Amino acid sequence: MKPLHRFVLLAALLGVLGAVFALYAQPDFLMMLANQVWSCF
């Protein structure tokens, strides 16, 4: 794998992980997600 391609892939992965962490840091988002999952049952 080319170094530039690996760097871009790593940067995208870190960006996605950062966005997920930012969403989980918000309690309102967690409650909405839990309610949506619970409503499936």
N, C-alpha and C. Protein backbone atom coordinates (compact mmCIF):
# COMPACT_ATOMS: atom_id res chain seq x y z
N MET A 1 0.85 -1.18 0.00
CA MET A 1 0.00 0.00 0.00
C MET A 1 0.90 1.25 0.00
N LYS A 2 0.53 2.22 -0.78
CA LYS A 2 1.32 3.44 -0.87
C LYS A 2 1.18 4.24 0.43
N PRO A 3 2.25 4.93 0.83
CA PRO A 3 2.18 5.69 2.08
C PRO A 3 1.10 6.76 2.08
N LEU A 4 0.89 7.43 0.95
CA LEU A 4 -0.14 8.47 0.90
C LEU A 4 -1.53 7.85 1.06
N HIS A 5 -1.77 6.73 0.41
CA HIS A 5 -3.06 6.05 0.50
C HIS A 5 -3.31 5.60 1.93
N ARG A 6 -2.26 5.09 2.58
CA ARG A 6 -2.40 4.64 3.97
C ARG A 6 -2.69 5.82 4.90
N PHE A 7 -2.02 6.96 4.66
CA PHE A 7 -2.25 8.15 5.47
C PHE A 7 -3.68 8.66 5.32
N VAL A 8 -4.18 8.70 4.10
CA VAL A 8 -5.55 9.17 3.87
C VAL A 8 -6.55 8.23 4.53
N LEU A 9 -6.32 6.94 4.44
CA LEU A 9 -7.20 5.97 5.08
C LEU A 9 -7.19 6.12 6.60
N LEU A 10 -6.00 6.30 7.17
CA LEU A 10 -5.88 6.48 8.61
C LEU A 10 -6.55 7.78 9.06
N ALA A 11 -6.38 8.85 8.30
CA ALA A 11 -7.00 10.14 8.64
C ALA A 11 -8.52 10.03 8.58
N ALA A 12 -9.06 9.33 7.59
CA ALA A 12 -10.50 9.16 7.49
C ALA A 12 -11.03 8.32 8.66
N LEU A 13 -10.31 7.29 9.01
CA LEU A 13 -10.71 6.45 10.14
C LEU A 13 -10.71 7.24 11.44
N LEU A 14 -9.68 8.02 11.67
CA LEU A 14 -9.63 8.84 12.88
C LEU A 14 -10.73 9.90 12.89
N GLY A 15 -11.07 10.43 11.73
CA GLY A 15 -12.17 11.40 11.65
C GLY A 15 -13.51 10.77 12.00
N VAL A 16 -13.74 9.58 11.50
CA VAL A 16 -14.99 8.87 11.82
C VAL A 16 -15.05 8.54 13.31
N LEU A 17 -13.95 8.04 13.86
CA LEU A 17 -13.92 7.71 15.28
C LEU A 17 -14.12 8.96 16.13
N GLY A 18 -13.55 10.06 15.74
CA GLY A 18 -13.74 11.32 16.47
C GLY A 18 -15.18 11.79 16.42
N ALA A 19 -15.82 11.64 15.27
CA ALA A 19 -17.22 12.05 15.15
C ALA A 19 -18.12 11.16 16.01
N VAL A 20 -17.86 9.86 16.04
CA VAL A 20 -18.64 8.95 16.88
C VAL A 20 -18.44 9.29 18.35
N PHE A 21 -17.21 9.57 18.75
CA PHE A 21 -16.96 9.93 20.14
C PHE A 21 -17.68 11.23 20.50
N ALA A 22 -17.69 12.20 19.59
CA ALA A 22 -18.37 13.47 19.87
C ALA A 22 -19.87 13.25 20.03
N LEU A 23 -20.45 12.34 19.24
CA LEU A 23 -21.88 12.07 19.37
C LEU A 23 -22.19 11.36 20.69
N TYR A 24 -21.35 10.42 21.09
CA TYR A 24 -21.58 9.70 22.33
C TYR A 24 -21.35 10.57 23.56
N ALA A 25 -20.65 11.68 23.41
CA ALA A 25 -20.43 12.59 24.53
C ALA A 25 -21.68 13.43 24.82
N GLN A 26 -22.68 13.37 23.96
CA GLN A 26 -23.91 14.13 24.15
C GLN A 26 -24.99 13.21 24.72
N PRO A 27 -25.43 13.46 25.94
CA PRO A 27 -26.43 12.57 26.57
C PRO A 27 -27.75 12.52 25.79
N ASP A 28 -28.16 13.63 25.18
CA ASP A 28 -29.42 13.63 24.43
C ASP A 28 -29.36 12.65 23.26
N PHE A 29 -28.22 12.59 22.60
CA PHE A 29 -28.06 11.65 21.50
C PHE A 29 -28.16 10.21 21.99
N LEU A 30 -27.54 9.94 23.14
CA LEU A 30 -27.59 8.58 23.69
C LEU A 30 -29.02 8.18 24.03
N MET A 31 -29.78 9.11 24.61
CA MET A 31 -31.17 8.79 24.96
C MET A 31 -32.00 8.55 23.70
N MET A 32 -31.81 9.37 22.67
CA MET A 32 -32.56 9.20 21.43
C MET A 32 -32.21 7.85 20.79
N LEU A 33 -30.92 7.51 20.78
CA LEU A 33 -30.49 6.25 20.20
C LEU A 33 -31.07 5.07 20.98
N ALA A 34 -31.04 5.14 22.31
CA ALA A 34 -31.59 4.07 23.14
C ALA A 34 -33.10 3.92 22.91
N ASN A 35 -33.80 5.03 22.79
CA ASN A 35 -35.25 4.95 22.54
C ASN A 35 -35.55 4.34 21.18
N GLN A 36 -34.76 4.67 20.17
CA GLN A 36 -34.98 4.10 18.84
C GLN A 36 -34.70 2.62 18.82
N VAL A 37 -33.66 2.19 19.51
CA VAL A 37 -33.34 0.76 19.56
C VAL A 37 -34.41 0.03 20.35
N TRP A 38 -34.86 0.61 21.47
CA TRP A 38 -35.85 -0.04 22.32
C TRP A 38 -37.20 -0.16 21.60
N SER A 39 -37.51 0.82 20.74
CA SER A 39 -38.81 0.79 20.05
C SER A 39 -38.88 -0.34 19.02
N CYS A 40 -37.76 -0.93 18.65
CA CYS A 40 -37.77 -2.05 17.71
C CYS A 40 -38.31 -3.32 18.35
N PHE A 41 -38.29 -3.38 19.68
CA PHE A 41 -38.72 -4.60 20.37
C PHE A 41 -40.11 -4.45 20.83
